[in-house]
C-alpha cells in the first residue's frame, strides 16, 4: 500500500479526529477499564450500604415492637399478681371468720371458740 492510500483511508474514516481517538483508545484503554470497574464497585458498595441501612431500620422497628410487647406483658403480669393478692386476702379473711365463728346458734352473747 502506498502512503497516499493509507492517508486517504484515514481521511475517509474521520481524519485527524479518528487518529486522535485511536491513539487515545490505545493509550487509555486500561485506565478506562479501571474507571468502569471502580464505578461498578462504588455502585455495588452503595447498594450494600442501602441494604444494611434498611436492615438496621427493620431491626430497630422490631426491637421497638418487642419492647412494646414486653411492656404489655409486664402490665398483665402485674395485674394478675394484684388479683392473686386480692384472692389471698379474701381467703385469709374467710379463714379468720371461720376461726371466730360462734358455735352456739341464736346466742346473743357470741362466744368464739378461740381467744379472739
N, C-alpha and C. Protein backbone atom coordinates (compact mmCIF):
# COMPACT_ATOMS: atom_id res chain seq x y z
N UNK A 1 0.83 -1.17 0.00
CA UNK A 1 0.00 0.00 0.00
C UNK A 1 0.88 1.23 0.00
N UNK A 2 0.35 2.17 -0.65
CA UNK A 2 1.08 3.41 -0.72
C UNK A 2 0.63 4.32 0.40
N UNK A 3 1.47 5.26 0.68
CA UNK A 3 1.19 6.24 1.72
C UNK A 3 -0.07 7.03 1.40
N UNK A 4 -0.30 7.35 0.16
CA UNK A 4 -1.48 8.14 -0.20
C UNK A 4 -2.74 7.33 0.04
N UNK A 5 -2.67 6.05 -0.21
CA UNK A 5 -3.83 5.21 0.04
C UNK A 5 -4.14 5.15 1.53
N UNK A 6 -3.12 5.02 2.34
CA UNK A 6 -3.31 4.99 3.80
C UNK A 6 -3.88 6.31 4.29
N UNK A 7 -3.35 7.41 3.82
CA UNK A 7 -3.86 8.74 4.22
C UNK A 7 -5.29 8.94 3.73
N UNK A 8 -5.60 8.46 2.56
CA UNK A 8 -6.97 8.58 2.05
C UNK A 8 -7.93 7.76 2.91
N UNK A 9 -7.47 6.59 3.31
CA UNK A 9 -8.29 5.74 4.17
C UNK A 9 -8.53 6.40 5.52
N UNK A 10 -7.47 6.95 6.12
CA UNK A 10 -7.60 7.63 7.41
C UNK A 10 -8.52 8.84 7.27
N UNK A 11 -8.38 9.57 6.19
CA UNK A 11 -9.23 10.74 5.97
C UNK A 11 -10.69 10.31 5.81
N UNK A 12 -10.90 9.21 5.14
CA UNK A 12 -12.26 8.72 4.94
C UNK A 12 -12.87 8.26 6.27
N UNK A 13 -12.04 7.75 7.16
CA UNK A 13 -12.53 7.25 8.43
C UNK A 13 -12.76 8.37 9.45
N UNK A 14 -12.40 9.56 9.22
CA UNK A 14 -12.66 10.64 10.15
C UNK A 14 -11.51 11.59 10.29
N UNK A 15 -10.50 11.38 9.58
CA UNK A 15 -9.40 12.33 9.56
C UNK A 15 -8.61 12.32 10.84
N UNK A 16 -8.19 13.50 11.23
CA UNK A 16 -7.34 13.69 12.40
C UNK A 16 -8.05 13.28 13.69
N UNK A 17 -9.35 13.50 13.73
CA UNK A 17 -10.11 13.12 14.93
C UNK A 17 -10.10 11.61 15.12
N UNK A 18 -10.16 10.85 14.03
CA UNK A 18 -10.10 9.39 14.13
C UNK A 18 -8.75 8.95 14.64
N UNK A 19 -7.71 9.60 14.19
CA UNK A 19 -6.36 9.28 14.65
C UNK A 19 -6.25 9.60 16.14
N UNK A 20 -6.74 10.75 16.56
CA UNK A 20 -6.70 11.13 17.98
C UNK A 20 -7.47 10.11 18.83
N UNK A 21 -8.65 9.74 18.35
CA UNK A 21 -9.47 8.78 19.09
C UNK A 21 -8.76 7.44 19.19
N UNK A 22 -8.13 6.98 18.09
CA UNK A 22 -7.42 5.71 18.09
C UNK A 22 -6.24 5.74 19.05
N UNK A 23 -5.47 6.83 19.05
CA UNK A 23 -4.33 6.96 19.95
C UNK A 23 -4.82 7.00 21.40
N UNK A 24 -5.87 7.75 21.64
CA UNK A 24 -6.41 7.83 23.00
C UNK A 24 -6.93 6.48 23.45
N UNK A 25 -7.62 5.77 22.57
CA UNK A 25 -8.16 4.46 22.92
C UNK A 25 -7.04 3.50 23.27
N UNK A 26 -5.99 3.48 22.49
CA UNK A 26 -4.88 2.56 22.74
C UNK A 26 -4.15 2.93 24.02
N UNK A 27 -3.93 4.21 24.25
CA UNK A 27 -3.16 4.62 25.43
C UNK A 27 -3.98 4.59 26.72
N UNK A 28 -5.29 4.79 26.64
CA UNK A 28 -6.11 4.89 27.86
C UNK A 28 -7.06 3.71 28.03
N UNK A 29 -6.87 2.66 27.31
CA UNK A 29 -7.79 1.52 27.38
C UNK A 29 -7.82 0.93 28.79
N UNK A 30 -6.67 0.68 29.38
CA UNK A 30 -6.62 0.09 30.71
C UNK A 30 -7.17 1.05 31.76
N UNK A 31 -6.90 2.32 31.60
CA UNK A 31 -7.40 3.32 32.53
C UNK A 31 -8.92 3.38 32.50
N UNK A 32 -9.48 3.36 31.30
CA UNK A 32 -10.94 3.40 31.17
C UNK A 32 -11.58 2.16 31.79
N UNK A 33 -10.95 1.02 31.60
CA UNK A 33 -11.47 -0.22 32.19
C UNK A 33 -11.45 -0.12 33.70
N UNK A 34 -10.35 0.40 34.26
CA UNK A 34 -10.28 0.55 35.72
C UNK A 34 -11.32 1.54 36.23
N UNK A 35 -11.56 2.63 35.48
CA UNK A 35 -12.59 3.60 35.88
C UNK A 35 -13.97 2.96 35.90
N UNK A 36 -14.26 2.16 34.88
CA UNK A 36 -15.56 1.49 34.84
C UNK A 36 -15.69 0.49 35.97
N UNK A 37 -14.63 -0.26 36.25
CA UNK A 37 -14.68 -1.20 37.37
C UNK A 37 -14.86 -0.48 38.69
N UNK A 38 -14.18 0.64 38.85
CA UNK A 38 -14.33 1.43 40.08
C UNK A 38 -15.75 1.96 40.20
N UNK A 39 -16.33 2.38 39.09
CA UNK A 39 -17.70 2.88 39.11
C UNK A 39 -18.67 1.77 39.50
N UNK A 40 -18.47 0.59 38.94
CA UNK A 40 -19.33 -0.56 39.27
C UNK A 40 -19.15 -0.94 40.74
N UNK A 41 -17.91 -0.95 41.21
CA UNK A 41 -17.64 -1.27 42.61
C UNK A 41 -18.31 -0.28 43.55
N UNK A 42 -18.24 1.01 43.20
CA UNK A 42 -18.87 2.01 44.07
C UNK A 42 -20.39 1.86 44.08
N UNK A 43 -20.98 1.51 42.93
CA UNK A 43 -22.42 1.28 42.89
C UNK A 43 -22.81 0.08 43.75
N UNK A 44 -22.02 -0.99 43.65
CA UNK A 44 -22.30 -2.17 44.47
C UNK A 44 -22.17 -1.85 45.95
N UNK A 45 -21.15 -1.08 46.30
CA UNK A 45 -20.95 -0.69 47.70
C UNK A 45 -22.11 0.17 48.19
N UNK A 46 -22.58 1.07 47.34
CA UNK A 46 -23.73 1.91 47.72
C UNK A 46 -24.97 1.04 47.93
N UNK A 47 -25.18 0.06 47.07
CA UNK A 47 -26.32 -0.85 47.23
C UNK A 47 -26.20 -1.63 48.53
N UNK A 48 -25.00 -2.07 48.85
CA UNK A 48 -24.80 -2.79 50.12
C UNK A 48 -25.10 -1.89 51.30
N UNK A 49 -24.62 -0.64 51.23
CA UNK A 49 -24.89 0.30 52.33
C UNK A 49 -26.38 0.54 52.50
N UNK A 50 -27.08 0.69 51.39
CA UNK A 50 -28.53 0.90 51.47
C UNK A 50 -29.21 -0.32 52.08
N UNK A 51 -28.76 -1.51 51.68
CA UNK A 51 -29.36 -2.73 52.22
C UNK A 51 -29.09 -2.85 53.71
N UNK A 52 -27.87 -2.53 54.14
CA UNK A 52 -27.53 -2.58 55.56
C UNK A 52 -28.37 -1.56 56.33
N UNK A 53 -28.51 -0.36 55.79
CA UNK A 53 -29.34 0.66 56.46
C UNK A 53 -30.78 0.19 56.59
N UNK A 54 -31.31 -0.41 55.53
CA UNK A 54 -32.68 -0.90 55.56
C UNK A 54 -32.82 -2.00 56.61
N UNK A 55 -31.85 -2.92 56.66
CA UNK A 55 -31.91 -4.00 57.64
C UNK A 55 -31.80 -3.45 59.07
N UNK A 56 -30.94 -2.46 59.28
CA UNK A 56 -30.82 -1.86 60.61
C UNK A 56 -32.12 -1.18 61.01
N UNK A 57 -32.76 -0.54 60.06
CA UNK A 57 -34.05 0.11 60.35
C UNK A 57 -35.10 -0.93 60.72
N UNK A 58 -35.12 -2.05 59.99
CA UNK A 58 -36.06 -3.12 60.31
C UNK A 58 -35.80 -3.69 61.70
N UNK A 59 -34.51 -3.87 62.04
CA UNK A 59 -34.18 -4.37 63.38
C UNK A 59 -34.64 -3.39 64.45
N UNK A 60 -34.45 -2.11 64.20
CA UNK A 60 -34.89 -1.10 65.16
C UNK A 60 -36.41 -1.17 65.34
N UNK A 61 -37.14 -1.29 64.25
CA UNK A 61 -38.60 -1.39 64.33
C UNK A 61 -39.02 -2.63 65.11
N UNK A 62 -38.36 -3.75 64.84
CA UNK A 62 -38.71 -4.98 65.55
C UNK A 62 -38.37 -4.87 67.03
N UNK A 63 -37.23 -4.25 67.35
CA UNK A 63 -36.87 -4.07 68.75
C UNK A 63 -37.91 -3.22 69.47
N UNK A 64 -38.37 -2.14 68.81
CA UNK A 64 -39.41 -1.29 69.42
C UNK A 64 -40.70 -2.09 69.63
N UNK A 65 -41.05 -2.92 68.66
CA UNK A 65 -42.26 -3.73 68.78
C UNK A 65 -42.12 -4.72 69.93
N UNK A 66 -40.97 -5.35 70.04
CA UNK A 66 -40.73 -6.31 71.13
C UNK A 66 -40.76 -5.60 72.47
N UNK A 67 -40.17 -4.40 72.55
CA UNK A 67 -40.21 -3.64 73.80
C UNK A 67 -41.65 -3.32 74.19
N UNK A 68 -42.47 -2.95 73.21
CA UNK A 68 -43.89 -2.69 73.48
C UNK A 68 -44.61 -3.92 73.99
N UNK A 69 -44.30 -5.06 73.39
CA UNK A 69 -44.93 -6.31 73.84
C UNK A 69 -44.49 -6.67 75.25
N UNK A 70 -43.22 -6.42 75.57
CA UNK A 70 -42.76 -6.68 76.94
C UNK A 70 -43.45 -5.77 77.94
N UNK A 71 -43.69 -4.52 77.56
CA UNK A 71 -44.40 -3.60 78.45
C UNK A 71 -45.81 -4.14 78.72
N UNK A 72 -46.49 -4.58 77.66
CA UNK A 72 -47.82 -5.16 77.83
C UNK A 72 -47.78 -6.41 78.72
N UNK A 73 -46.79 -7.24 78.49
CA UNK A 73 -46.65 -8.46 79.28
C UNK A 73 -46.46 -8.14 80.75
N UNK A 74 -45.61 -7.18 81.05
CA UNK A 74 -45.36 -6.80 82.45
C UNK A 74 -46.63 -6.23 83.09
N UNK A 75 -47.41 -5.46 82.34
CA UNK A 75 -48.67 -4.94 82.88
C UNK A 75 -49.63 -6.08 83.21
N UNK A 76 -49.74 -7.03 82.28
CA UNK A 76 -50.62 -8.19 82.52
C UNK A 76 -50.15 -8.99 83.72
N UNK A 77 -48.84 -9.21 83.83
CA UNK A 77 -48.32 -9.96 84.97
C UNK A 77 -48.59 -9.23 86.27
N UNK A 78 -48.41 -7.91 86.27
CA UNK A 78 -48.67 -7.13 87.48
C UNK A 78 -50.15 -7.20 87.86
N UNK A 79 -51.02 -7.13 86.85
CA UNK A 79 -52.45 -7.23 87.11
C UNK A 79 -52.81 -8.59 87.71
N UNK A 80 -52.24 -9.64 87.18
CA UNK A 80 -52.52 -10.99 87.70
C UNK A 80 -51.98 -11.14 89.12
N UNK A 81 -50.81 -10.58 89.39
CA UNK A 81 -50.27 -10.63 90.75
C UNK A 81 -51.17 -9.88 91.71
N UNK A 82 -51.71 -8.74 91.29
CA UNK A 82 -52.66 -8.00 92.14
C UNK A 82 -53.90 -8.83 92.42
N UNK A 83 -54.41 -9.52 91.40
CA UNK A 83 -55.57 -10.38 91.61
C UNK A 83 -55.24 -11.52 92.58
N UNK A 84 -54.07 -12.07 92.46
CA UNK A 84 -53.66 -13.15 93.37
C UNK A 84 -53.60 -12.63 94.80
N UNK A 85 -53.06 -11.42 94.99
CA UNK A 85 -53.01 -10.83 96.33
C UNK A 85 -54.42 -10.60 96.88
N UNK A 86 -55.32 -10.11 96.05
CA UNK A 86 -56.69 -9.88 96.49
C UNK A 86 -57.35 -11.20 96.88
N UNK A 87 -57.15 -12.24 96.07
CA UNK A 87 -57.74 -13.55 96.38
C UNK A 87 -57.18 -14.10 97.68
N UNK A 88 -55.89 -13.93 97.91
CA UNK A 88 -55.30 -14.41 99.16
C UNK A 88 -55.82 -13.63 100.36
N UNK A 89 -56.02 -12.34 100.18
CA UNK A 89 -56.59 -11.53 101.28
C UNK A 89 -57.99 -12.04 101.62
N UNK A 90 -58.79 -12.31 100.57
CA UNK A 90 -60.14 -12.81 100.80
C UNK A 90 -60.09 -14.18 101.49
N UNK A 91 -59.16 -15.03 101.07
CA UNK A 91 -59.03 -16.34 101.71
C UNK A 91 -58.63 -16.19 103.18
N UNK A 92 -57.72 -15.25 103.47
CA UNK A 92 -57.32 -15.01 104.85
C UNK A 92 -58.49 -14.50 105.68
N UNK A 93 -59.28 -13.61 105.12
CA UNK A 93 -60.45 -13.10 105.84
C UNK A 93 -61.44 -14.24 106.08
N UNK A 94 -61.62 -15.11 105.10
CA UNK A 94 -62.54 -16.25 105.25
C UNK A 94 -62.04 -17.19 106.35
N UNK A 95 -60.75 -17.50 106.37
CA UNK A 95 -60.19 -18.37 107.41
C UNK A 95 -60.34 -17.73 108.78
N UNK A 96 -60.10 -16.43 108.84
CA UNK A 96 -60.24 -15.71 110.11
C UNK A 96 -61.68 -15.74 110.59
N UNK A 97 -62.63 -15.59 109.67
CA UNK A 97 -64.04 -15.62 110.07
C UNK A 97 -64.45 -17.03 110.51
N UNK A 98 -63.86 -18.06 109.91
CA UNK A 98 -64.14 -19.43 110.36
C UNK A 98 -63.62 -19.66 111.77
N UNK A 99 -62.46 -19.08 112.07
CA UNK A 99 -61.89 -19.23 113.41
C UNK A 99 -62.74 -18.48 114.42
N UNK A 100 -63.28 -17.34 114.08
CA UNK A 100 -64.07 -16.52 115.00
C UNK A 100 -65.55 -16.90 115.03
N UNK A 101 -65.94 -17.91 114.28
CA UNK A 101 -67.35 -18.29 114.20
C UNK A 101 -67.84 -18.83 115.55
N UNK A 102 -69.02 -18.38 115.92
CA UNK A 102 -69.63 -18.84 117.17
C UNK A 102 -70.33 -20.16 116.93
N UNK A 103 -70.13 -21.08 117.85
CA UNK A 103 -70.71 -22.41 117.68
C UNK A 103 -72.09 -22.52 118.31
N UNK A 104 -72.50 -21.54 119.08
CA UNK A 104 -73.83 -21.56 119.70
C UNK A 104 -74.76 -20.78 118.79
N UNK A 105 -75.85 -21.43 118.35
CA UNK A 105 -76.77 -20.78 117.42
C UNK A 105 -77.77 -19.90 118.18
N UNK A 106 -78.06 -18.75 117.59
CA UNK A 106 -79.04 -17.85 118.16
C UNK A 106 -78.60 -17.21 119.45
N UNK A 107 -77.42 -17.23 119.78
CA UNK A 107 -76.88 -16.69 121.02
C UNK A 107 -76.72 -15.18 120.88
N UNK A 108 -77.14 -14.46 121.94
CA UNK A 108 -76.95 -13.01 121.95
C UNK A 108 -75.50 -12.69 122.28
N UNK A 109 -74.94 -13.44 123.18
CA UNK A 109 -73.56 -13.25 123.55
C UNK A 109 -72.71 -14.25 122.76
N UNK A 110 -72.23 -13.84 121.66
CA UNK A 110 -71.45 -14.71 120.79
C UNK A 110 -70.10 -14.98 121.42
N UNK A 111 -69.81 -16.23 121.55
CA UNK A 111 -68.55 -16.61 122.13
C UNK A 111 -67.75 -17.40 121.11
N UNK A 112 -66.74 -16.85 120.60
CA UNK A 112 -65.95 -17.63 119.66
C UNK A 112 -65.13 -18.68 120.40
N UNK A 113 -64.85 -19.80 119.75
CA UNK A 113 -64.10 -20.85 120.43
C UNK A 113 -62.64 -20.49 120.66
N UNK A 114 -62.18 -19.50 119.98
CA UNK A 114 -60.79 -19.11 120.17
C UNK A 114 -60.72 -17.95 121.15
N UNK A 115 -59.49 -17.43 121.35
CA UNK A 115 -59.29 -16.33 122.30
C UNK A 115 -59.58 -14.96 121.70
N UNK A 116 -60.13 -14.90 120.58
CA UNK A 116 -60.38 -13.59 119.93
C UNK A 116 -61.54 -12.89 120.53
